[in-house]
Amino acid sequence: MTAVLCWIGVAALVRRLHADASTFNRAKSVAIVGLTVGVLLWH
């Protein structure tokens, strides 16, 4: 789940790399969820 969510998050961020800041910030949510799952798993 950590890996899949992080890769989906990377793809979302790459697609919005040249978008405005608010659009780019909204695209971070999946990556943040994936990283949070990783923190919970390993901690």
PDB file of all heavy atoms in Angstrom:
ATOM      1  N   MET A   1       0.832  -1.197   0.000  1.00  0.00           N
ATOM      2  CA  MET A   1       0.000   0.000   0.000  1.00  0.00           C
ATOM      3  C   MET A   1       0.873   1.255   0.000  1.00  0.00           C
ATOM      4  O   MET A   1       0.596   2.220  -0.713  1.00  0.00           O
ATOM      5  CB  MET A   1      -0.925   0.004   1.221  1.00  0.00           C
ATOM      6  CG  MET A   1      -1.901   1.162   1.210  1.00  0.00           C
ATOM      7  SD  MET A   1      -2.956   1.288   2.679  1.00  0.00           S
ATOM      8  CE  MET A   1      -3.324  -0.380   3.096  1.00  0.00           C
ATOM      9  N   THR A   2       1.936   1.238   0.802  1.00  0.00           N
ATOM     10  CA  THR A   2       2.859   2.373   0.836  1.00  0.00           C
ATOM     11  C   THR A   2       3.449   2.615  -0.545  1.00  0.00           C
ATOM     12  O   THR A   2       3.449   3.748  -1.042  1.00  0.00           O
ATOM     13  CB  THR A   2       3.995   2.111   1.855  1.00  0.00           C
ATOM     14  OG1 THR A   2       3.422   1.945   3.152  1.00  0.00           O
ATOM     15  CG2 THR A   2       4.996   3.246   1.867  1.00  0.00           C
ATOM     16  N   ALA A   3       3.934   1.558  -1.172  1.00  0.00           N
ATOM     17  CA  ALA A   3       4.556   1.695  -2.486  1.00  0.00           C
ATOM     18  C   ALA A   3       3.570   2.183  -3.542  1.00  0.00           C
ATOM     19  O   ALA A   3       3.864   3.119  -4.300  1.00  0.00           O
ATOM     20  CB  ALA A   3       5.166   0.359  -2.914  1.00  0.00           C
ATOM     21  N   VAL A   4       2.404   1.574  -3.594  1.00  0.00           N
ATOM     22  CA  VAL A   4       1.412   1.946  -4.607  1.00  0.00           C
ATOM     23  C   VAL A   4       0.963   3.392  -4.430  1.00  0.00           C
ATOM     24  O   VAL A   4       0.917   4.167  -5.395  1.00  0.00           O
ATOM     25  CB  VAL A   4       0.207   0.974  -4.573  1.00  0.00           C
ATOM     26  CG1 VAL A   4      -0.958   1.497  -5.387  1.00  0.00           C
ATOM     27  CG2 VAL A   4       0.630  -0.407  -5.067  1.00  0.00           C
ATOM     28  N   LEU A   5       0.657   3.779  -3.196  1.00  0.00           N
ATOM     29  CA  LEU A   5       0.213   5.152  -2.953  1.00  0.00           C
ATOM     30  C   LEU A   5       1.320   6.162  -3.271  1.00  0.00           C
ATOM     31  O   LEU A   5       1.044   7.232  -3.833  1.00  0.00           O
ATOM     32  CB  LEU A   5      -0.267   5.321  -1.517  1.00  0.00           C
ATOM     33  CG  LEU A   5      -1.591   4.635  -1.179  1.00  0.00           C
ATOM     34  CD1 LEU A   5      -1.847   4.675   0.323  1.00  0.00           C
ATOM     35  CD2 LEU A   5      -2.738   5.277  -1.936  1.00  0.00           C
ATOM     36  N   CYS A   6       2.544   5.835  -2.921  1.00  0.00           N
ATOM     37  CA  CYS A   6       3.649   6.752  -3.234  1.00  0.00           C
ATOM     38  C   CYS A   6       3.859   6.877  -4.741  1.00  0.00           C
ATOM     39  O   CYS A   6       4.084   7.982  -5.246  1.00  0.00           O
ATOM     40  CB  CYS A   6       4.929   6.303  -2.535  1.00  0.00           C
ATOM     41  SG  CYS A   6       4.922   6.649  -0.755  1.00  0.00           S
ATOM     42  N   TRP A   7       3.786   5.774  -5.475  1.00  0.00           N
ATOM     43  CA  TRP A   7       3.939   5.852  -6.936  1.00  0.00           C
ATOM     44  C   TRP A   7       2.784   6.617  -7.581  1.00  0.00           C
ATOM     45  O   TRP A   7       2.996   7.398  -8.509  1.00  0.00           O
ATOM     46  CB  TRP A   7       4.081   4.457  -7.550  1.00  0.00           C
ATOM     47  CG  TRP A   7       5.485   3.940  -7.415  1.00  0.00           C
ATOM     48  CD1 TRP A   7       5.902   2.894  -6.646  1.00  0.00           C
ATOM     49  CD2 TRP A   7       6.654   4.464  -8.038  1.00  0.00           C
ATOM     50  NE1 TRP A   7       7.249   2.734  -6.756  1.00  0.00           N
ATOM     51  CE2 TRP A   7       7.744   3.677  -7.614  1.00  0.00           C
ATOM     52  CE3 TRP A   7       6.892   5.513  -8.920  1.00  0.00           C
ATOM     53  CZ2 TRP A   7       9.053   3.920  -8.034  1.00  0.00           C
ATOM     54  CZ3 TRP A   7       8.200   5.752  -9.335  1.00  0.00           C
ATOM     55  CH2 TRP A   7       9.259   4.963  -8.900  1.00  0.00           C
ATOM     56  N   ILE A   8       1.577   6.404  -7.099  1.00  0.00           N
ATOM     57  CA  ILE A   8       0.434   7.180  -7.610  1.00  0.00           C
ATOM     58  C   ILE A   8       0.645   8.656  -7.287  1.00  0.00           C
ATOM     59  O   ILE A   8       0.382   9.534  -8.120  1.00  0.00           O
ATOM     60  CB  ILE A   8      -0.893   6.659  -7.024  1.00  0.00           C
ATOM     61  CG1 ILE A   8      -1.210   5.269  -7.582  1.00  0.00           C
ATOM     62  CG2 ILE A   8      -2.041   7.617  -7.325  1.00  0.00           C
ATOM     63  CD1 ILE A   8      -2.369   4.570  -6.892  1.00  0.00           C
ATOM     64  N   GLY A   9       1.132   8.943  -6.089  1.00  0.00           N
ATOM     65  CA  GLY A   9       1.425  10.316  -5.704  1.00  0.00           C
ATOM     66  C   GLY A   9       2.489  10.951  -6.573  1.00  0.00           C
ATOM     67  O   GLY A   9       2.376  12.114  -6.981  1.00  0.00           O
ATOM     68  N   VAL A  10       3.535  10.195  -6.890  1.00  0.00           N
ATOM     69  CA  VAL A  10       4.582  10.701  -7.785  1.00  0.00           C
ATOM     70  C   VAL A  10       3.997  11.024  -9.148  1.00  0.00           C
ATOM     71  O   VAL A  10       4.259  12.089  -9.716  1.00  0.00           O
ATOM     72  CB  VAL A  10       5.737   9.682  -7.914  1.00  0.00           C
ATOM     73  CG1 VAL A  10       6.648  10.020  -9.088  1.00  0.00           C
ATOM     74  CG2 VAL A  10       6.538   9.623  -6.632  1.00  0.00           C
ATOM     75  N   ALA A  11       3.187  10.117  -9.679  1.00  0.00           N
ATOM     76  CA  ALA A  11       2.582  10.349 -10.998  1.00  0.00           C
ATOM     77  C   ALA A  11       1.694  11.590 -10.976  1.00  0.00           C
ATOM     78  O   ALA A  11       1.720  12.397 -11.909  1.00  0.00           O
ATOM     79  CB  ALA A  11       1.777   9.119 -11.428  1.00  0.00           C
ATOM     80  N   ALA A  12       0.924  11.763  -9.899  1.00  0.00           N
ATOM     81  CA  ALA A  12       0.048  12.939  -9.789  1.00  0.00           C
ATOM     82  C   ALA A  12       0.865  14.218  -9.736  1.00  0.00           C
ATOM     83  O   ALA A  12       0.504  15.229 -10.360  1.00  0.00           O
ATOM     84  CB  ALA A  12      -0.843  12.816  -8.550  1.00  0.00           C
ATOM     85  N   LEU A  13       1.966  14.189  -9.017  1.00  0.00           N
ATOM     86  CA  LEU A  13       2.805  15.386  -8.918  1.00  0.00           C
ATOM     87  C   LEU A  13       3.528  15.687 -10.229  1.00  0.00           C
ATOM     88  O   LEU A  13       3.641  16.849 -10.621  1.00  0.00           O
ATOM     89  CB  LEU A  13       3.804  15.235  -7.770  1.00  0.00           C
ATOM     90  CG  LEU A  13       3.186  15.260  -6.377  1.00  0.00           C
ATOM     91  CD1 LEU A  13       4.207  14.879  -5.318  1.00  0.00           C
ATOM     92  CD2 LEU A  13       2.595  16.622  -6.082  1.00  0.00           C
ATOM     93  N   VAL A  14       3.987  14.659 -10.902  1.00  0.00           N
ATOM     94  CA  VAL A  14       4.662  14.875 -12.193  1.00  0.00           C
ATOM     95  C   VAL A  14       3.691  15.460 -13.216  1.00  0.00           C
ATOM     96  O   VAL A  14       4.050  16.363 -13.978  1.00  0.00           O
ATOM     97  CB  VAL A  14       5.306  13.562 -12.705  1.00  0.00           C
ATOM     98  CG1 VAL A  14       5.745  13.671 -14.149  1.00  0.00           C
ATOM     99  CG2 VAL A  14       6.483  13.178 -11.818  1.00  0.00           C
ATOM    100  N   ARG A  15       2.447  14.959 -13.210  1.00  0.00           N
ATOM    101  CA  ARG A  15       1.444  15.498 -14.143  1.00  0.00           C
ATOM    102  C   ARG A  15       1.150  16.970 -13.881  1.00  0.00           C
ATOM    103  O   ARG A  15       0.783  17.695 -14.792  1.00  0.00           O
ATOM    104  CB  ARG A  15       0.140  14.698 -14.049  1.00  0.00           C
ATOM    105  CG  ARG A  15       0.166  13.394 -14.807  1.00  0.00           C
ATOM    106  CD  ARG A  15      -1.224  12.799 -14.967  1.00  0.00           C
ATOM    107  NE  ARG A  15      -2.000  12.710 -13.748  1.00  0.00           N
ATOM    108  CZ  ARG A  15      -1.995  11.679 -12.903  1.00  0.00           C
ATOM    109  NH1 ARG A  15      -1.234  10.649 -13.142  1.00  0.00           N
ATOM    110  NH2 ARG A  15      -2.747  11.692 -11.827  1.00  0.00           N
ATOM    111  N   ARG A  16       1.312  17.408 -12.657  1.00  0.00           N
ATOM    112  CA  ARG A  16       0.995  18.802 -12.300  1.00  0.00           C
ATOM    113  C   ARG A  16       2.248  19.628 -12.016  1.00  0.00           C
ATOM    114  O   ARG A  16       2.194  20.657 -11.364  1.00  0.00           O
ATOM    115  CB  ARG A  16       0.073  18.815 -11.090  1.00  0.00           C
ATOM    116  CG  ARG A  16      -1.315  18.281 -11.449  1.00  0.00           C
ATOM    117  CD  ARG A  16      -2.083  17.894 -10.218  1.00  0.00           C
ATOM    118  NE  ARG A  16      -3.371  17.308 -10.541  1.00  0.00           N
ATOM    119  CZ  ARG A  16      -3.560  16.009 -10.779  1.00  0.00           C
ATOM    120  NH1 ARG A  16      -2.550  15.166 -10.749  1.00  0.00           N
ATOM    121  NH2 ARG A  16      -4.766  15.546 -11.040  1.00  0.00           N
ATOM    122  N   LEU A  17       3.366  19.183 -12.526  1.00  0.00           N
ATOM    123  CA  LEU A  17       4.645  19.836 -12.264  1.00  0.00           C
ATOM    124  C   LEU A  17       4.659  21.298 -12.713  1.00  0.00           C
ATOM    125  O   LEU A  17       5.247  22.150 -12.064  1.00  0.00           O
ATOM    126  CB  LEU A  17       5.766  19.055 -12.951  1.00  0.00           C
ATOM    127  CG  LEU A  17       7.182  19.339 -12.496  1.00  0.00           C
ATOM    128  CD1 LEU A  17       7.329  19.135 -11.003  1.00  0.00           C
ATOM    129  CD2 LEU A  17       8.150  18.439 -13.238  1.00  0.00           C
ATOM    130  N   HIS A  18       3.996  21.591 -13.807  1.00  0.00           N
ATOM    131  CA  HIS A  18       3.995  22.960 -14.334  1.00  0.00           C
ATOM    132  C   HIS A  18       2.678  23.686 -14.055  1.00  0.00           C
ATOM    133  O   HIS A  18       2.434  24.746 -14.627  1.00  0.00           O
ATOM    134  CB  HIS A  18       4.302  22.944 -15.827  1.00  0.00           C
ATOM    135  CG  HIS A  18       5.661  22.387 -16.123  1.00  0.00           C
ATOM    136  ND1 HIS A  18       6.822  23.048 -15.792  1.00  0.00           N
ATOM    137  CD2 HIS A  18       6.039  21.211 -16.672  1.00  0.00           C
ATOM    138  CE1 HIS A  18       7.857  22.308 -16.140  1.00  0.00           C
ATOM    139  NE2 HIS A  18       7.418  21.181 -16.676  1.00  0.00           N
ATOM    140  N   ALA A  19       1.870  23.149 -13.166  1.00  0.00           N
ATOM    141  CA  ALA A  19       0.593  23.786 -12.803  1.00  0.00           C
ATOM    142  C   ALA A  19       0.848  24.875 -11.759  1.00  0.00           C
ATOM    143  O   ALA A  19       1.961  25.007 -11.240  1.00  0.00           O
ATOM    144  CB  ALA A  19      -0.376  22.744 -12.254  1.00  0.00           C
ATOM    145  N   ASP A  20      -0.186  25.612 -11.444  1.00  0.00           N
ATOM    146  CA  ASP A  20      -0.048  26.626 -10.403  1.00  0.00           C
ATOM    147  C   ASP A  20       0.136  25.938  -9.042  1.00  0.00           C
ATOM    148  O   ASP A  20      -0.127  24.750  -8.883  1.00  0.00           O
ATOM    149  CB  ASP A  20      -1.274  27.560 -10.390  1.00  0.00           C
ATOM    150  CG  ASP A  20      -2.552  26.809 -10.117  1.00  0.00           C
ATOM    151  OD1 ASP A  20      -3.089  26.185 -11.066  1.00  0.00           O
ATOM    152  OD2 ASP A  20      -3.007  26.829  -8.958  1.00  0.00           O
ATOM    153  N   ALA A  21       0.606  26.712  -8.063  1.00  0.00           N
ATOM    154  CA  ALA A  21       0.973  26.157  -6.757  1.00  0.00           C
ATOM    155  C   ALA A  21      -0.197  25.485  -6.046  1.00  0.00           C
ATOM    156  O   ALA A  21      -0.038  24.427  -5.446  1.00  0.00           O
ATOM    157  CB  ALA A  21       1.567  27.251  -5.874  1.00  0.00           C
ATOM    158  N   SER A  22      -1.390  26.080  -6.122  1.00  0.00           N
ATOM    159  CA  SER A  22      -2.522  25.478  -5.403  1.00  0.00           C
ATOM    160  C   SER A  22      -2.908  24.128  -6.014  1.00  0.00           C
ATOM    161  O   SER A  22      -3.239  23.191  -5.288  1.00  0.00           O
ATOM    162  CB  SER A  22      -3.717  26.429  -5.373  1.00  0.00           C
ATOM    163  OG  SER A  22      -4.191  26.673  -6.676  1.00  0.00           O
ATOM    164  N   THR A  23      -2.860  24.019  -7.333  1.00  0.00           N
ATOM    165  CA  THR A  23      -3.143  22.736  -7.995  1.00  0.00           C
ATOM    166  C   THR A  23      -2.085  21.707  -7.631  1.00  0.00           C
ATOM    167  O   THR A  23      -2.401  20.546  -7.335  1.00  0.00           O
ATOM    168  CB  THR A  23      -3.200  22.920  -9.526  1.00  0.00           C
ATOM    169  OG1 THR A  23      -4.187  23.909  -9.830  1.00  0.00           O
ATOM    170  CG2 THR A  23      -3.524  21.621 -10.235  1.00  0.00           C
ATOM    171  N   PHE A  24      -0.829  22.112  -7.636  1.00  0.00           N
ATOM    172  CA  PHE A  24       0.264  21.209  -7.273  1.00  0.00           C
ATOM    173  C   PHE A  24       0.123  20.755  -5.819  1.00  0.00           C
ATOM    174  O   PHE A  24       0.298  19.573  -5.516  1.00  0.00           O
ATOM    175  CB  PHE A  24       1.613  21.906  -7.496  1.00  0.00           C
ATOM    176  CG  PHE A  24       2.788  20.997  -7.319  1.00  0.00           C
ATOM    177  CD1 PHE A  24       3.125  20.070  -8.283  1.00  0.00           C
ATOM    178  CD2 PHE A  24       3.564  21.074  -6.172  1.00  0.00           C
ATOM    179  CE1 PHE A  24       4.218  19.230  -8.121  1.00  0.00           C
ATOM    180  CE2 PHE A  24       4.658  20.236  -5.993  1.00  0.00           C
ATOM    181  CZ  PHE A  24       4.982  19.314  -6.973  1.00  0.00           C
ATOM    182  N   ASN A  25      -0.216  21.682  -4.920  1.00  0.00           N
ATOM    183  CA  ASN A  25      -0.386  21.328  -3.508  1.00  0.00           C
ATOM    184  C   ASN A  25      -1.509  20.321  -3.309  1.00  0.00           C
ATOM    185  O   ASN A  25      -1.393  19.406  -2.496  1.00  0.00           O
ATOM    186  CB  ASN A  25      -0.638  22.573  -2.660  1.00  0.00           C
ATOM    187  CG  ASN A  25       0.608  23.391  -2.445  1.00  0.00           C
ATOM    188  OD1 ASN A  25       1.701  22.848  -2.355  1.00  0.00           O
ATOM    189  ND2 ASN A  25       0.456  24.696  -2.362  1.00  0.00           N
ATOM    190  N   ARG A  26      -2.608  20.471  -4.043  1.00  0.00           N
ATOM    191  CA  ARG A  26      -3.723  19.512  -3.923  1.00  0.00           C
ATOM    192  C   ARG A  26      -3.318  18.130  -4.420  1.00  0.00           C
ATOM    193  O   ARG A  26      -3.829  17.121  -3.935  1.00  0.00           O
ATOM    194  CB  ARG A  26      -4.941  20.021  -4.684  1.00  0.00           C
ATOM    195  CG  ARG A  26      -5.692  21.121  -3.960  1.00  0.00           C
ATOM    196  CD  ARG A  26      -7.047  21.404  -4.590  1.00  0.00           C
ATOM    197  NE  ARG A  26      -6.973  21.736  -6.006  1.00  0.00           N
ATOM    198  CZ  ARG A  26      -6.773  22.961  -6.505  1.00  0.00           C
ATOM    199  NH1 ARG A  26      -6.607  23.973  -5.684  1.00  0.00           N
ATOM    200  NH2 ARG A  26      -6.735  23.172  -7.809  1.00  0.00           N
ATOM    201  N   ALA A  27      -2.388  18.068  -5.356  1.00  0.00           N
ATOM    202  CA  ALA A  27      -1.951  16.783  -5.899  1.00  0.00           C
ATOM    203  C   ALA A  27      -1.056  16.011  -4.933  1.00  0.00           C
ATOM    204  O   ALA A  27      -0.772  14.834  -5.159  1.00  0.00           O
ATOM    205  CB  ALA A  27      -1.211  17.007  -7.222  1.00  0.00           C
ATOM    206  N   LYS A  28      -0.637  16.635  -3.865  1.00  0.00           N
ATOM    207  CA  LYS A  28       0.253  15.989  -2.901  1.00  0.00           C
ATOM    208  C   LYS A  28      -0.455  14.993  -1.990  1.00  0.00           C
ATOM    209  O   LYS A  28       0.196  14.196  -1.323  1.00  0.00           O
ATOM    210  CB  LYS A  28       0.929  17.046  -2.025  1.00  0.00           C
ATOM    211  CG  LYS A  28       1.894  17.943  -2.753  1.00  0.00           C
ATOM    212  CD  LYS A  28       2.469  18.957  -1.784  1.00  0.00           C
ATOM    213  CE  LYS A  28       3.505  19.815  -2.444  1.00  0.00           C
ATOM    214  NZ  LYS A  28       4.140  20.733  -1.470  1.00  0.00           N
ATOM    215  N   SER A  29      -1.770  15.025  -1.943  1.00  0.00           N
ATOM    216  CA  SER A  29      -2.501  14.265  -0.920  1.00  0.00           C
ATOM    217  C   SER A  29      -2.251  12.764  -0.975  1.00  0.00           C
ATOM    218  O   SER A  29      -2.083  12.124   0.062  1.00  0.00           O
ATOM    219  CB  SER A  29      -3.994  14.565  -0.994  1.00  0.00           C
ATOM    220  OG  SER A  29      -4.495  14.218  -2.259  1.00  0.00           O
ATOM    221  N   VAL A  30      -2.205  12.182  -2.159  1.00  0.00           N
ATOM    222  CA  VAL A  30      -1.993  10.727  -2.246  1.00  0.00           C
ATOM    223  C   VAL A  30      -0.586  10.362  -1.783  1.00  0.00           C
ATOM    224  O   VAL A  30      -0.400   9.384  -1.051  1.00  0.00           O
ATOM    225  CB  VAL A  30      -2.254  10.210  -3.685  1.00  0.00           C
ATOM    226  CG1 VAL A  30      -1.954   8.735  -3.796  1.00  0.00           C
ATOM    227  CG2 VAL A  30      -3.688  10.482  -4.089  1.00  0.00           C
ATOM    228  N   ALA A  31       0.403  11.159  -2.177  1.00  0.00           N
ATOM    229  CA  ALA A  31       1.770  10.904  -1.730  1.00  0.00           C
ATOM    230  C   ALA A  31       1.874  11.031  -0.206  1.00  0.00           C
ATOM    231  O   ALA A  31       2.544  10.219   0.447  1.00  0.00           O
ATOM    232  CB  ALA A  31       2.740  11.865  -2.410  1.00  0.00           C
ATOM    233  N   ILE A  32       1.200  12.011   0.355  1.00  0.00           N
ATOM    234  CA  ILE A  32       1.221  12.206   1.809  1.00  0.00           C
ATOM    235  C   ILE A  32       0.578  11.017   2.519  1.00  0.00           C
ATOM    236  O   ILE A  32       1.095  10.535   3.535  1.00  0.00           O
ATOM    237  CB  ILE A  32       0.549  13.544   2.188  1.00  0.00           C
ATOM    238  CG1 ILE A  32       1.451  14.699   1.744  1.00  0.00           C
ATOM    239  CG2 ILE A  32       0.237  13.615   3.670  1.00  0.00           C
ATOM    240  CD1 ILE A  32       0.832  16.067   1.875  1.00  0.00           C
ATOM    241  N   VAL A  33      -0.516  10.512   1.975  1.00  0.00           N
ATOM    242  CA  VAL A  33      -1.160   9.335   2.574  1.00  0.00           C
ATOM    243  C   VAL A  33      -0.218   8.130   2.492  1.00  0.00           C
ATOM    244  O   VAL A  33      -0.051   7.390   3.468  1.00  0.00           O
ATOM    245  CB  VAL A  33      -2.517   9.033   1.898  1.00  0.00           C
ATOM    246  CG1 VAL A  33      -3.070   7.692   2.351  1.00  0.00           C
ATOM    247  CG2 VAL A  33      -3.516  10.137   2.191  1.00  0.00           C
ATOM    248  N   GLY A  34       0.411   7.921   1.347  1.00  0.00           N
ATOM    249  CA  GLY A  34       1.340   6.798   1.189  1.00  0.00           C
ATOM    250  C   GLY A  34       2.503   6.872   2.157  1.00  0.00           C
ATOM    251  O   GLY A  34       2.878   5.874   2.788  1.00  0.00           O
ATOM    252  N   LEU A  35       3.090   8.058   2.298  1.00  0.00           N
ATOM    253  CA  LEU A  35       4.201   8.224   3.228  1.00  0.00           C
ATOM    254  C   LEU A  35       3.748   8.052   4.677  1.00  0.00           C
ATOM    255  O   LEU A  35       4.478   7.492   5.501  1.00  0.00           O
ATOM    256  CB  LEU A  35       4.847   9.598   3.021  1.00  0.00           C
ATOM    257  CG  LEU A  35       5.580   9.748   1.691  1.00  0.00           C
ATOM    258  CD1 LEU A  35       5.819  11.215   1.375  1.00  0.00           C
ATOM    259  CD2 LEU A  35       6.878   8.959   1.702  1.00  0.00           C
ATOM    260  N   THR A  36       2.546   8.484   4.985  1.00  0.00           N
ATOM    261  CA  THR A  36       2.008   8.309   6.336  1.00  0.00           C
ATOM    262  C   THR A  36       1.797   6.827   6.646  1.00  0.00           C
ATOM    263  O   THR A  36       2.099   6.373   7.758  1.00  0.00           O
ATOM    264  CB  THR A  36       0.696   9.101   6.498  1.00  0.00           C
ATOM    265  OG1 THR A  36       0.956  10.483   6.224  1.00  0.00           O
ATOM    266  CG2 THR A  36       0.129   8.957   7.900  1.00  0.00           C
ATOM    267  N   VAL A  37       1.298   6.076   5.683  1.00  0.00           N
ATOM    268  CA  VAL A  37       1.155   4.622   5.871  1.00  0.00           C
ATOM    269  C   VAL A  37       2.526   4.000   6.141  1.00  0.00           C
ATOM    270  O   VAL A  37       2.680   3.153   7.020  1.00  0.00           O
ATOM    271  CB  VAL A  37       0.463   3.968   4.653  1.00  0.00           C
ATOM    272  CG1 VAL A  37       0.520   2.443   4.742  1.00  0.00           C
ATOM    273  CG2 VAL A  37      -0.973   4.437   4.540  1.00  0.00           C
ATOM    274  N   GLY A  38       3.543   4.458   5.400  1.00  0.00           N
ATOM    275  CA  GLY A  38       4.899   3.962   5.631  1.00  0.00           C
ATOM    276  C   GLY A  38       5.406   4.290   7.018  1.00  0.00           C
ATOM    277  O   GLY A  38       5.998   3.441   7.693  1.00  0.00           O
ATOM    278  N   VAL A  39       5.178   5.511   7.483  1.00  0.00           N
ATOM    279  CA  VAL A  39       5.591   5.901   8.832  1.00  0.00           C
ATOM    280  C   VAL A  39       4.895   5.021   9.860  1.00  0.00           C
ATOM    281  O   VAL A  39       5.532   4.515  10.791  1.00  0.00           O
ATOM    282  CB  VAL A  39       5.291   7.400   9.091  1.00  0.00           C
ATOM    283  CG1 VAL A  39       5.408   7.738  10.568  1.00  0.00           C
ATOM    284  CG2 VAL A  39       6.220   8.278   8.266  1.00  0.00           C
ATOM    285  N   LEU A  40       3.596   4.822   9.693  1.00  0.00           N
ATOM    286  CA  LEU A  40       2.863   3.977  10.643  1.00  0.00           C
ATOM    287  C   LEU A  40       3.367   2.544  10.622  1.00  0.00           C
ATOM    288  O   LEU A  40       3.536   1.916  11.672  1.00  0.00           O
ATOM    289  CB  LEU A  40       1.365   4.022  10.348  1.00  0.00           C
ATOM    290  CG  LEU A  40       0.686   5.357  10.628  1.00  0.00           C
ATOM    291  CD1 LEU A  40      -0.758   5.330  10.118  1.00  0.00           C
ATOM    292  CD2 LEU A  40       0.727   5.682  12.104  1.00  0.00           C
ATOM    293  N   LEU A  41       3.610   2.017   9.433  1.00  0.00           N
ATOM    294  CA  LEU A  41       4.082   0.632   9.320  1.00  0.00           C
ATOM    295  C   LEU A  41       5.430   0.456  10.005  1.00  0.00           C
ATOM    296  O   LEU A  41       5.602  -0.428  10.841  1.00  0.00           O
ATOM    297  CB  LEU A  41       4.173   0.222   7.848  1.00  0.00           C
ATOM    298  CG  LEU A  41       4.806  -1.142   7.587  1.00  0.00           C
ATOM    299  CD1 LEU A  41       3.915  -2.254   8.139  1.00  0.00           C
ATOM    300  CD2 LEU A  41       5.053  -1.339   6.113  1.00  0.00           C
ATOM    301  N   TRP A  42       6.399   1.301   9.656  1.00  0.00           N
ATOM    302  CA  TRP A  42       7.755   1.084  10.177  1.00  0.00           C
ATOM    303  C   TRP A  42       7.923   1.583  11.599  1.00  0.00           C
ATOM    304  O   TRP A  42       8.740   1.033  12.339  1.00  0.00           O
ATOM    305  CB  TRP A  42       8.789   1.673   9.232  1.00  0.00           C
ATOM    306  CG  TRP A  42       8.985   0.761   8.069  1.00  0.00           C
ATOM    307  CD1 TRP A  42       9.541  -0.488   8.101  1.00  0.00           C
ATOM    308  CD2 TRP A  42       8.577   0.970   6.727  1.00  0.00           C
ATOM    309  NE1 TRP A  42       9.501  -1.057   6.854  1.00  0.00           N
ATOM    310  CE2 TRP A  42       8.920  -0.168   5.983  1.00  0.00           C
ATOM    311  CE3 TRP A  42       7.960   2.018   6.057  1.00  0.00           C
ATOM    312  CZ2 TRP A  42       8.674  -0.294   4.636  1.00  0.00           C
ATOM    313  CZ3 TRP A  42       7.718   1.887   4.708  1.00  0.00           C
ATOM    314  CH2 TRP A  42       8.077   0.740   4.008  1.00  0.00           C
ATOM    315  N   HIS A  43       7.146   2.573  12.011  1.00  0.00           N
ATOM    316  CA  HIS A  43       7.273   3.004  13.404  1.00  0.00           C
ATOM    317  C   HIS A  43       6.427   2.113  14.316  1.00  0.00           C
ATOM    318  O   HIS A  43       6.952   1.480  15.228  1.00  0.00           O
ATOM    319  CB  HIS A  43       6.875   4.469  13.577  1.00  0.00           C
ATOM    320  CG  HIS A  43       6.981   4.924  14.985  1.00  0.00           C
ATOM    321  ND1 HIS A  43       8.179   5.032  15.638  1.00  0.00           N
ATOM    322  CD2 HIS A  43       6.036   5.255  15.898  1.00  0.00           C
ATOM    323  CE1 HIS A  43       7.966   5.424  16.882  1.00  0.00           C
ATOM    324  NE2 HIS A  43       6.663   5.562  17.064  1.00  0.00           N
TER     325      HIS A  43
END
